[in-house]
N, C-alpha and C. Protein backbone atom coordinates (compact mmCIF):
# COMPACT_ATOMS: atom_id res chain seq x y z
N MET A 1 101.85 -30.86 -49.41
CA MET A 1 101.72 -30.63 -50.95
C MET A 1 100.14 -30.18 -50.89
N LYS A 2 99.88 -29.48 -51.62
CA LYS A 2 98.29 -29.06 -51.58
C LYS A 2 97.73 -30.22 -52.54
N ARG A 3 96.36 -30.37 -52.11
CA ARG A 3 95.66 -31.76 -52.64
C ARG A 3 95.47 -31.60 -54.12
N SER A 4 94.92 -30.16 -54.69
CA SER A 4 94.93 -29.98 -56.27
C SER A 4 96.47 -30.23 -56.60
N ALA A 5 97.18 -29.71 -56.51
CA ALA A 5 98.79 -29.96 -57.04
C ALA A 5 98.58 -31.48 -57.24
N LEU A 6 98.46 -32.43 -56.17
CA LEU A 6 98.73 -33.79 -56.34
C LEU A 6 97.84 -34.36 -57.51
N ILE A 7 96.81 -33.94 -57.22
CA ILE A 7 95.85 -34.53 -58.77
C ILE A 7 96.07 -34.08 -59.81
N LYS A 8 96.54 -32.75 -60.21
CA LYS A 8 97.12 -32.31 -61.25
C LYS A 8 98.03 -33.25 -61.42
N HIS A 9 98.99 -33.65 -60.90
CA HIS A 9 100.23 -34.48 -61.16
C HIS A 9 100.16 -35.65 -61.70
N LEU A 10 98.91 -36.39 -60.82
CA LEU A 10 98.77 -37.82 -61.15
C LEU A 10 97.81 -37.57 -62.88
N ARG A 11 97.06 -36.60 -62.83
CA ARG A 11 96.30 -36.76 -64.12
C ARG A 11 97.11 -36.37 -65.30
N LYS A 12 98.22 -35.54 -65.24
CA LYS A 12 99.32 -35.35 -65.89
C LYS A 12 100.09 -36.52 -66.19
N ASN A 13 100.10 -37.63 -65.46
CA ASN A 13 100.75 -38.88 -65.61
C ASN A 13 99.77 -40.13 -66.14
N LYS A 14 98.66 -39.52 -66.33
CA LYS A 14 97.61 -40.66 -66.99
C LYS A 14 97.10 -41.11 -65.83
N CYS A 15 97.00 -41.06 -65.10
CA CYS A 15 96.42 -41.18 -63.97
C CYS A 15 94.26 -41.24 -64.17
N LYS A 16 93.63 -41.95 -64.15
CA LYS A 16 91.95 -42.07 -63.98
C LYS A 16 91.30 -41.93 -62.96
N LEU A 17 90.38 -41.21 -62.48
CA LEU A 17 89.60 -41.27 -61.39
C LEU A 17 88.76 -42.51 -61.50
N PHE A 18 89.31 -43.45 -60.48
CA PHE A 18 88.75 -44.78 -60.31
C PHE A 18 87.46 -44.67 -59.57
N ARG A 19 87.38 -44.06 -58.17
CA ARG A 19 86.31 -43.57 -57.29
C ARG A 19 86.09 -43.06 -56.47
N GLU A 20 85.33 -42.33 -55.82
CA GLU A 20 85.23 -41.59 -54.57
C GLU A 20 84.79 -42.52 -53.31
N GLY A 21 85.78 -42.43 -52.38
CA GLY A 21 85.21 -43.24 -51.12
C GLY A 21 84.94 -42.31 -50.35
N GLY A 22 84.37 -42.73 -48.96
CA GLY A 22 83.87 -41.96 -47.97
C GLY A 22 84.96 -40.84 -47.43
N LYS A 23 86.10 -40.95 -47.36
CA LYS A 23 86.75 -39.77 -46.82
C LYS A 23 88.14 -39.64 -47.94
N HIS A 24 88.36 -40.75 -48.83
CA HIS A 24 89.47 -40.64 -49.83
C HIS A 24 88.73 -40.34 -51.36
N THR A 25 89.85 -40.21 -52.28
CA THR A 25 89.67 -40.05 -53.99
C THR A 25 90.64 -41.23 -54.59
N ILE A 26 90.37 -42.01 -55.16
CA ILE A 26 91.23 -43.23 -55.66
C ILE A 26 91.37 -42.87 -57.04
N PHE A 27 92.61 -43.08 -57.37
CA PHE A 27 92.93 -42.88 -58.75
C PHE A 27 93.94 -43.96 -59.30
N TRP A 28 93.71 -44.21 -60.42
CA TRP A 28 94.03 -45.68 -60.93
C TRP A 28 94.89 -45.63 -62.43
N ASN A 29 95.91 -45.94 -62.39
CA ASN A 29 97.03 -45.56 -63.35
C ASN A 29 96.84 -47.11 -64.14
N PRO A 30 96.42 -47.10 -65.48
CA PRO A 30 95.98 -48.28 -66.37
C PRO A 30 97.49 -48.96 -66.81
N GLU A 31 98.48 -47.89 -67.19
CA GLU A 31 99.90 -47.93 -67.40
C GLU A 31 100.06 -49.12 -66.75
N LYS A 32 100.33 -48.42 -65.35
CA LYS A 32 101.32 -49.23 -64.73
C LYS A 32 100.57 -50.17 -63.20
N ARG A 33 99.01 -50.03 -63.68
CA ARG A 33 98.55 -50.84 -62.51
C ARG A 33 98.56 -50.78 -61.41
N ASN A 34 98.84 -49.21 -60.92
CA ASN A 34 98.77 -48.90 -59.40
C ASN A 34 97.45 -48.15 -59.07
N ILE A 35 97.24 -48.10 -57.85
CA ILE A 35 96.12 -47.59 -57.25
C ILE A 35 96.72 -46.14 -56.20
N SER A 36 96.31 -44.84 -56.46
CA SER A 36 96.55 -44.16 -55.31
C SER A 36 95.60 -43.86 -54.67
N THR A 37 95.77 -43.30 -53.20
CA THR A 37 94.32 -43.13 -52.59
C THR A 37 94.94 -41.79 -51.83
N ILE A 38 93.85 -40.65 -52.24
CA ILE A 38 94.21 -39.26 -51.73
C ILE A 38 93.17 -39.08 -50.90
N PRO A 39 93.72 -38.60 -49.56
CA PRO A 39 92.77 -38.18 -48.33
C PRO A 39 92.04 -36.90 -48.93
N ARG A 40 90.86 -36.63 -48.39
CA ARG A 40 90.09 -35.23 -48.61
C ARG A 40 90.86 -34.13 -47.53
N HIS A 41 91.77 -33.76 -47.84
CA HIS A 41 92.17 -32.78 -47.11
C HIS A 41 93.02 -31.52 -48.09
N ASN A 42 93.32 -30.61 -47.34
CA ASN A 42 94.03 -29.54 -48.27
C ASN A 42 95.38 -29.60 -48.48
N GLU A 43 95.86 -29.76 -47.54
CA GLU A 43 97.13 -30.13 -47.10
C GLU A 43 97.36 -31.81 -46.70
N ILE A 44 98.36 -32.48 -47.93
CA ILE A 44 98.78 -33.82 -47.78
C ILE A 44 100.21 -33.86 -47.27
N TYR A 45 100.47 -34.44 -46.06
CA TYR A 45 101.75 -34.54 -45.63
C TYR A 45 102.31 -36.03 -45.92
N GLY A 46 103.54 -36.33 -46.56
CA GLY A 46 103.84 -37.77 -46.47
C GLY A 46 104.59 -38.28 -45.49
């Protein structure tokens, strides 16, 4: 999956940018109180 598609999906599901880490971007969902850590690579494998 492309990183941009994952970020678009997170924002569509009401996730907010929490902070930028050294090698990751961290999103937070205030409704579910979940944190998602996204690595800074073009392709993300699960």
